[in-house]
Each structure stands twice: as C-alpha cells, then as structure tokens.
Amino acid sequence: MESSGLYIRYVVVTNLGTRAGYAYVINNGDDKTHRSPRPVPPGQPWMYFFNRDLKDGAQICGSIDLGPATCTAVHA
C-alpha cells in the first residue's frame, strides 16, 4: 500500500499461491470489495488504485480468491 496519512494511492495484492486466482481488496471502512478483472497468475501482483482519502481507522485487506487475507489499518 502506498499512502500518506489518510490518502491512499494504491494497494497491491500479490498471488503467492500455485494457481491463478482473483485478487480482492476489501475496504472495511466503506464495506466495499474490489476484484481484479481477471485471475492473477502465481507470483504476479494486482494493483487497485484508491487515489483518495479513506476514513481514519478504516481497515484494508487483500486476498486471493477470498482466502486468508492480509490487512492494515489507515490512520492519520
């Protein structure tokens, strides 16, 4: 994730698995889910561009095929 305070430029989800799968970015601050347009091959990243401020305390999670997620919180 590239950010400055509450401004989030983008989030990267990398497929660490052995099969292609859709990448998901979940914004728990707005209850929105964003999915890659096509499956992401193993070892490859997918970037989702927010280019906006998010709510203080919002949690952003990334996963492949809604499997185990890695999350980080947004703070001012």
Protein backbone atom coordinates (compact mmCIF):
# COMPACT_ATOMS: atom_id res chain seq x y z
CA MET A 1 0.00 0.00 0.00
CA GLU A 2 1.28 3.45 -0.85
CA SER A 3 -0.20 6.10 1.41
CA SER A 4 0.30 9.42 3.13
CA GLY A 5 -1.87 9.84 6.21
CA LEU A 6 -5.44 9.07 5.20
CA TYR A 7 -4.69 9.45 1.47
CA ILE A 8 -4.28 6.02 -0.12
CA ARG A 9 -2.78 5.98 -3.59
CA TYR A 10 -2.93 2.24 -4.26
CA VAL A 11 -2.91 -1.24 -2.74
CA VAL A 12 -1.04 -4.24 -4.16
CA VAL A 13 -2.19 -7.85 -3.79
CA THR A 14 0.34 -10.49 -4.88
CA ASN A 15 -0.65 -14.07 -5.63
CA LEU A 16 1.69 -16.20 -3.51
CA GLY A 17 -0.18 -19.40 -4.38
CA THR A 18 0.40 -22.00 -7.06
CA ARG A 19 -2.79 -21.35 -9.09
CA ALA A 20 -4.22 -18.26 -10.73
CA GLY A 21 -6.98 -16.59 -8.74
CA TYR A 22 -8.91 -13.36 -8.49
CA ALA A 23 -7.36 -10.70 -6.27
CA TYR A 24 -9.63 -8.90 -3.81
CA VAL A 25 -9.20 -5.62 -1.94
CA ILE A 26 -11.71 -5.17 0.86
CA ASN A 27 -12.26 -1.70 2.34
CA ASN A 28 -13.88 -2.40 5.71
CA GLY A 29 -14.23 1.36 6.31
CA ASP A 30 -16.78 1.63 3.48
CA ASP A 31 -17.85 -2.04 3.29
CA LYS A 32 -16.71 -2.21 -0.35
CA THR A 33 -14.97 -5.06 -2.15
CA HIS A 34 -12.95 -4.62 -5.34
CA ARG A 35 -11.99 -7.61 -7.53
CA SER A 36 -9.33 -7.89 -10.22
CA PRO A 37 -10.83 -8.00 -13.73
CA ARG A 38 -9.17 -11.38 -14.42
CA PRO A 39 -7.36 -14.05 -12.39
CA VAL A 40 -3.86 -13.12 -11.23
CA PRO A 41 -1.17 -15.71 -12.13
CA PRO A 42 1.06 -17.16 -9.37
CA GLY A 43 3.82 -14.76 -8.33
CA GLN A 44 2.14 -11.78 -10.02
CA PRO A 45 0.73 -8.61 -8.40
CA TRP A 46 -2.51 -6.71 -8.99
CA MET A 47 -2.82 -3.02 -8.07
CA TYR A 48 -6.04 -1.32 -7.05
CA PHE A 49 -5.90 2.48 -7.16
CA PHE A 50 -7.89 4.33 -4.47
CA ASN A 51 -6.39 7.81 -5.09
CA ARG A 52 -8.44 9.33 -2.26
CA ASP A 53 -8.66 9.81 1.49
CA LEU A 54 -10.17 6.98 3.49
CA LYS A 55 -11.79 7.10 6.92
CA ASP A 56 -9.45 7.19 9.91
CA GLY A 57 -9.33 3.63 11.27
CA ALA A 58 -10.52 2.01 8.03
CA GLN A 59 -9.09 -1.46 7.56
CA ILE A 60 -7.90 -2.50 4.09
CA CYS A 61 -7.49 -6.23 3.41
CA GLY A 62 -6.13 -8.05 0.37
CA SER A 63 -6.51 -11.70 -0.60
CA ILE A 64 -6.60 -14.12 -3.49
CA ASP A 65 -9.97 -15.83 -4.09
CA LEU A 66 -11.23 -14.54 -0.71
CA GLY A 67 -8.74 -16.84 1.03
CA PRO A 68 -6.63 -15.78 4.02
CA ALA A 69 -6.30 -12.00 3.98
CA THR A 70 -3.54 -9.59 4.90
CA CYS A 71 -4.90 -6.41 6.48
CA THR A 72 -3.65 -2.99 7.52
CA ALA A 73 -5.39 -0.06 9.20
CA VAL A 74 -5.44 3.51 7.88
CA HIS A 75 -4.54 6.23 10.42
CA ALA A 76 -3.99 9.97 10.21
